[in-house]
Protein backbone atom coordinates (compact mmCIF):
# COMPACT_ATOMS: atom_id res chain seq x y z
CA MET A 1 -0.03 -0.03 0.05
CA LYS A 2 2.85 2.34 0.78
CA ALA A 3 4.69 1.49 -2.06
CA ALA A 4 1.76 2.24 -4.32
CA LEU A 5 1.05 5.50 -2.72
CA GLU A 6 4.82 6.44 -3.02
CA ASN A 7 4.52 5.54 -6.87
CA TYR A 8 1.50 7.55 -7.24
CA HIS A 9 3.04 10.67 -5.46
CA ALA A 10 6.06 10.24 -7.71
CA ARG A 11 4.01 10.19 -10.95
CA MET A 12 2.13 13.31 -9.74
CA GLN A 13 5.52 14.88 -8.71
CA ARG A 14 6.76 14.45 -12.35
CA VAL A 15 3.66 16.22 -13.62
CA LEU A 16 4.53 19.29 -11.39
CA ASP A 17 8.17 19.38 -12.49
CA HIS A 18 7.12 19.01 -16.22
CA ILE A 19 4.78 22.14 -15.72
CA ASP A 20 7.77 24.06 -14.21
CA GLN A 21 10.04 23.04 -17.00
CA TYR A 22 7.52 23.66 -19.86
CA LEU A 23 5.62 26.50 -18.61
CA ASP A 24 5.58 28.23 -22.06
CA ASP A 25 4.24 25.25 -24.10
CA ASP A 26 0.83 23.82 -24.48
CA LEU A 27 -0.04 22.13 -21.24
CA ASP A 28 -3.44 20.77 -21.96
CA LEU A 29 -4.95 17.71 -20.33
CA ALA A 30 -3.69 15.30 -22.69
CA ALA A 31 -0.06 16.36 -22.64
CA VAL A 32 0.13 16.70 -18.96
CA SER A 33 -1.70 13.47 -18.16
CA GLY A 34 0.73 11.61 -20.52
CA VAL A 35 3.72 12.72 -18.37
CA ALA A 36 2.54 10.64 -15.60
CA ALA A 37 0.84 7.79 -17.85
CA PHE A 38 -2.52 8.62 -16.38
CA SER A 39 -5.76 8.27 -18.32
CA LYS A 40 -6.67 11.68 -19.79
CA TYR A 41 -10.20 10.94 -18.83
CA HIS A 42 -9.68 10.79 -15.20
CA PHE A 43 -6.44 12.98 -14.87
CA HIS A 44 -8.31 16.19 -14.02
CA ARG A 45 -10.17 14.69 -11.19
CA GLN A 46 -6.99 13.10 -9.82
CA PHE A 47 -4.95 16.44 -10.28
CA THR A 48 -7.80 18.14 -8.40
CA ALA A 49 -8.12 15.59 -5.82
CA THR A 50 -4.47 15.45 -5.11
CA PHE A 51 -3.67 19.17 -5.04
CA GLY A 52 -7.16 21.15 -4.58
CA LEU A 53 -6.62 22.90 -7.61
CA SER A 54 -7.75 22.05 -11.17
CA LEU A 55 -4.82 21.57 -13.66
CA HIS A 56 -6.05 24.62 -15.68
CA ARG A 57 -5.93 26.84 -12.53
CA TYR A 58 -2.61 25.61 -11.26
CA VAL A 59 -1.06 26.39 -14.56
CA GLN A 60 -2.55 29.86 -14.62
CA LEU A 61 -1.17 30.72 -11.17
CA ALA A 62 2.25 29.24 -11.95
CA ARG A 63 2.46 31.33 -15.08
CA MET A 64 1.18 34.52 -13.13
CA LYS A 65 3.75 33.72 -10.28
CA ARG A 66 6.54 33.82 -12.87
CA ALA A 67 5.11 36.86 -14.49
CA SER A 68 4.88 38.83 -11.27
CA TYR A 69 8.72 37.79 -10.40
CA ARG A 70 9.68 39.14 -13.76
CA LEU A 71 7.82 42.26 -13.06
CA ALA A 72 9.15 42.86 -9.73
CA TYR A 73 12.83 41.51 -10.10
CA ARG A 74 13.65 41.54 -13.56
CA GLY A 75 13.40 44.79 -15.71
CA VAL A 76 14.46 43.16 -19.17
CA GLN A 77 11.11 42.15 -20.37
CA SER A 78 8.42 44.63 -21.36
CA VAL A 79 4.79 43.95 -20.19
CA THR A 80 3.75 42.81 -23.44
CA GLU A 81 6.43 40.19 -23.52
CA ILE A 82 5.55 38.99 -19.93
CA ALA A 83 1.78 38.98 -20.77
CA LEU A 84 2.63 36.55 -24.01
CA ASP A 85 4.83 34.51 -21.94
CA ALA A 86 2.11 34.23 -19.16
CA GLY A 87 -0.52 32.39 -22.13
CA TYR A 88 -2.37 35.74 -22.75
CA ASP A 89 -2.89 36.85 -26.36
CA ALA A 90 -2.95 40.46 -25.55
CA PRO A 91 -1.38 42.81 -22.88
CA ASP A 92 -4.80 44.16 -21.80
CA ALA A 93 -6.49 40.92 -21.21
CA PHE A 94 -3.23 40.12 -18.88
CA ALA A 95 -3.60 43.48 -17.27
CA ARG A 96 -7.07 42.73 -16.33
CA ALA A 97 -6.45 39.34 -15.08
CA PHE A 98 -3.51 40.79 -12.98
CA ARG A 99 -5.27 43.70 -11.54
CA ARG A 100 -8.15 41.29 -10.60
CA ARG A 101 -5.92 38.92 -8.89
CA PHE A 102 -3.30 41.39 -7.15
CA GLY A 103 -5.29 44.82 -6.90
CA GLN A 104 -2.64 46.43 -9.18
CA SER A 105 -1.78 46.91 -12.82
CA PRO A 106 1.38 45.14 -14.18
CA SER A 107 3.04 48.46 -14.61
CA SER A 108 2.03 49.73 -10.81
CA PHE A 109 3.20 46.28 -9.46
CA ARG A 110 6.52 46.64 -11.37
CA GLU A 111 7.05 50.14 -9.98
CA SER A 112 5.85 49.39 -6.45
CA PRO A 113 4.37 46.08 -5.44
CA ASP A 114 1.90 45.59 -2.82
CA TRP A 115 2.96 42.19 -1.33
CA GLU A 116 0.13 41.34 0.99
CA PRO A 117 -2.64 40.59 -1.85
CA TRP A 118 0.27 39.14 -3.92
CA LEU A 119 1.10 36.60 -0.94
CA ALA A 120 -2.66 35.74 -0.38
CA ALA A 121 -3.00 35.22 -4.32
CA PHE A 122 -0.76 32.53 -4.15
CA GLY A 123 -1.52 30.61 -1.03
CA PRO A 124 -3.59 27.90 -3.02
CA LEU A 125 -0.46 27.46 -5.28
CA ASP A 126 1.97 27.18 -2.51
CA ASN A 127 -0.30 24.69 -0.53
CA ALA A 128 -0.58 22.49 -3.85
CA ARG A 129 3.17 22.39 -4.13
CA SER A 130 3.76 21.54 -0.38
CA LYS A 131 1.46 18.49 -0.63
CA LEU A 132 4.32 16.60 -2.65
CA MET A 133 7.26 18.81 -2.19
CA GLN A 134 8.11 17.97 1.51
CA LYS A 135 11.50 16.72 0.70
CA THR A 136 12.92 14.36 3.13
CA PHE A 137 16.58 15.13 4.13
CA ILE A 138 19.42 12.44 5.43
CA ARG A 139 22.70 12.90 7.03
CA ASP A 140 24.61 12.39 3.69
CA ASP A 141 22.87 15.70 2.46
CA VAL A 142 25.16 17.73 4.81
CA LYS A 143 28.73 18.34 4.07
CA ILE A 144 31.07 20.09 6.66
CA ARG A 145 33.48 22.44 4.74
CA ASP A 146 35.95 25.05 5.87
CA VAL A 147 34.51 28.24 4.12
CA PRO A 148 36.89 31.15 3.55
CA PRO A 149 35.65 34.87 4.82
CA THR A 150 33.60 36.70 2.24
CA PRO A 151 33.64 40.31 1.86
CA VAL A 152 30.23 41.33 0.86
CA ALA A 153 28.00 44.60 0.40
CA ILE A 154 25.02 44.37 2.86
CA MET A 155 21.43 45.73 2.53
CA GLU A 156 19.57 45.20 5.88
CA HIS A 157 15.88 44.25 5.81
CA ARG A 158 14.13 45.13 9.09
CA GLY A 159 10.42 44.53 9.49
CA ALA A 160 7.84 42.56 8.36
CA PRO A 161 9.04 39.26 6.58
CA ALA A 162 6.02 39.82 4.21
CA MET A 163 7.71 43.04 3.08
CA ILE A 164 11.06 41.27 1.93
CA GLY A 165 10.21 41.78 -1.45
CA THR A 166 10.30 45.35 -1.59
CA THR A 167 13.91 45.02 -0.17
CA ILE A 168 14.83 42.63 -2.66
CA GLN A 169 13.63 45.25 -5.26
CA ARG A 170 15.71 47.88 -3.79
CA PHE A 171 18.92 45.59 -3.61
CA ILE A 172 18.48 44.37 -7.29
CA ALA A 173 18.24 48.17 -8.31
CA TRP A 174 21.53 48.94 -6.39
CA ARG A 175 23.37 45.84 -7.68
CA LYS A 176 22.64 46.59 -11.36
CA LYS A 177 23.76 50.47 -10.69
CA SER A 178 27.02 49.25 -9.17
CA GLY A 179 27.85 46.46 -11.72
CA LEU A 180 27.37 43.60 -9.25
CA ALA A 181 24.98 41.35 -10.90
CA PRO A 182 24.72 37.76 -9.56
CA ARG A 183 26.71 36.39 -12.69
CA VAL A 184 29.88 38.24 -11.29
CA SER A 185 29.01 38.76 -7.64
CA ALA A 186 27.71 35.72 -5.39
CA THR A 187 24.31 36.37 -3.60
CA PHE A 188 23.94 35.57 0.04
CA THR A 189 21.12 35.96 2.52
CA VAL A 190 21.96 36.01 6.33
CA TYR A 191 19.07 35.25 8.59
CA HIS A 192 19.43 37.02 11.99
CA ASP A 193 15.97 36.05 13.20
CA ASP A 194 13.46 33.19 13.13
CA PRO A 195 10.33 34.55 11.44
CA ARG A 196 8.02 31.87 13.54
CA THR A 197 9.37 33.29 16.84
CA THR A 198 9.96 37.01 16.21
CA PRO A 199 7.48 39.82 16.03
CA ALA A 200 7.25 41.06 12.40
CA GLU A 201 8.27 44.51 13.37
CA ALA A 202 11.80 43.07 14.85
CA PHE A 203 12.41 40.68 12.27
CA ARG A 204 16.01 41.14 10.61
CA MET A 205 17.59 39.78 7.50
CA ASP A 206 20.65 40.76 5.44
CA LEU A 207 20.77 40.67 1.69
CA CYS A 208 24.51 40.33 0.63
CA ALA A 209 26.59 40.62 -2.65
CA ALA A 210 30.09 39.35 -2.58
CA THR A 211 32.66 42.01 -3.44
CA ASP A 212 35.76 43.37 -2.00
CA ARG A 213 35.40 46.84 -3.50
CA PRO A 214 34.81 49.70 -1.30
CA ILE A 215 31.17 50.73 -0.94
CA GLU A 216 30.63 54.29 -1.56
CA PRO A 217 28.07 56.17 0.41
CA ASN A 218 24.60 55.62 -1.06
CA ASP A 219 21.02 56.47 -0.17
CA GLU A 220 20.12 52.87 -0.09
CA GLY A 221 22.02 52.24 3.05
CA VAL A 222 24.17 49.58 1.58
CA VAL A 223 27.40 49.02 3.78
CA SER A 224 30.55 46.76 3.63
CA GLY A 225 30.62 43.79 5.91
CA VAL A 226 32.12 40.38 5.82
CA ILE A 227 30.55 36.82 6.25
CA PRO A 228 33.14 35.35 8.61
CA GLY A 229 35.13 32.12 7.35
CA GLY A 230 35.19 28.95 9.35
CA ARG A 231 33.69 25.40 9.56
CA CYS A 232 30.13 25.25 8.31
CA ALA A 233 27.61 22.37 7.94
CA VAL A 234 26.45 22.91 4.40
CA MET A 235 23.16 21.35 2.70
CA ARG A 236 22.34 22.03 -0.96
CA VAL A 237 18.53 22.71 -1.49
CA VAL A 238 17.16 22.21 -4.98
CA GLY A 239 13.71 23.97 -5.35
CA MET A 240 11.88 25.25 -2.46
CA SER A 241 13.88 28.70 -2.65
CA ASP A 242 10.73 30.46 -1.26
CA ASN A 243 10.82 28.27 1.71
CA LEU A 244 14.05 26.85 3.46
CA GLU A 245 12.46 26.54 6.55
CA PRO A 246 12.10 22.31 6.07
CA ALA A 247 15.78 22.47 5.33
CA ALA A 248 16.70 24.73 8.50
CA LEU A 249 14.51 22.55 10.76
CA TYR A 250 16.41 19.36 9.68
CA LEU A 251 19.84 21.05 10.47
CA TYR A 252 18.83 22.12 14.05
CA ARG A 253 16.40 19.41 14.80
CA ASP A 254 17.85 16.37 13.47
CA TRP A 255 21.50 16.66 12.36
CA LEU A 256 23.10 18.93 15.00
CA PRO A 257 21.95 16.96 18.02
CA GLY A 258 23.37 13.78 16.77
CA SER A 259 26.51 15.38 15.09
CA GLY A 260 28.58 16.20 18.25
CA GLU A 261 29.18 19.66 16.76
CA GLU A 262 28.44 22.96 18.43
CA THR A 263 27.35 26.25 16.66
CA ARG A 264 29.52 29.10 16.10
CA ASP A 265 28.35 32.71 16.88
CA PHE A 266 27.12 33.75 13.61
CA PRO A 267 23.71 33.33 12.03
CA LEU A 268 22.46 30.57 9.60
CA TYR A 269 23.08 32.05 6.01
CA CYS A 270 22.45 30.89 2.49
CA GLN A 271 24.04 31.43 -0.86
CA ARG A 272 21.73 31.76 -3.79
CA ILE A 273 23.29 29.44 -6.68
CA SER A 274 20.47 29.78 -9.50
CA PHE A 275 17.54 31.61 -9.07
CA TYR A 276 13.83 31.33 -9.94
CA PRO A 277 12.46 32.68 -12.38
CA ASP A 278 15.85 32.54 -14.47
CA VAL A 279 15.28 28.64 -13.98
CA ALA A 280 12.47 26.58 -13.48
CA GLU A 281 10.98 26.80 -9.92
CA HIS A 282 11.99 23.18 -8.97
CA GLU A 283 15.65 23.73 -10.49
CA ALA A 284 16.52 26.77 -8.29
CA VAL A 285 19.59 25.88 -6.17
CA THR A 286 20.37 27.22 -2.58
CA ASP A 287 23.17 26.28 -0.34
CA LEU A 288 22.35 26.66 3.29
CA PHE A 289 25.25 27.28 5.68
CA LEU A 290 25.27 26.48 9.52
CA PRO A 291 28.34 28.02 11.22
CA LEU A 292 30.13 25.53 13.58
CA LEU A 293 33.01 25.90 16.12
């Protein structure tokens, strides 16, 4: 019974991975059901029963999520190009759907996103993905490495986690202006606080870009700093780039107590290796670092 259920879930997982990978393609019922070798006559009910969303609704939300990321964090594409990539025949149809879902036009969202309705809109998509994407970690996933000190430029985020997107926007804009794009400057995030136990107004997180150049005084409050070197437990996480909590919980709750190691006086941090939406969501790669004595 357990093996049959695991096989079923694995087939459904292939479907989600296929949708991520081929979001620009025709994802009709026949094509998607064939990925998992399910009958197209029953697949729409199977998909809805498993994920709580119809296939059509899931694909719509996945395309809209990618579009919103491109609007907020990538200034390369025009709204028209993003609309076409999201499956709309014309930008005005995309704009109506976008406004209905987020309460803002695409152009307004690109300029100044309102993140609360954005988070609420993607609740059903996040819930659907979490049903099968609860990755099980094992001790072999964790490697102990000696990490060199890394000089970085730091933009602090202080306040509600829901507003991190605004800080990310500002940081991306500063990096572009400063010539520190991710392709030439590694990207790190330092987690000073646990959002589950810290009041929203007191939450602290640092966005960092690796650089040894001096940081000129700037209106964004970006300052120089160093991620200290030393021994770290390192775990690579593929996918789940929006939610590293399961990986962090594994490190603290399961790996650390049985490792014989002690933590060093520096927070948990990560390095973003590849980013969604530049890669498909299930292909985003993040290295999580737990500093050790």
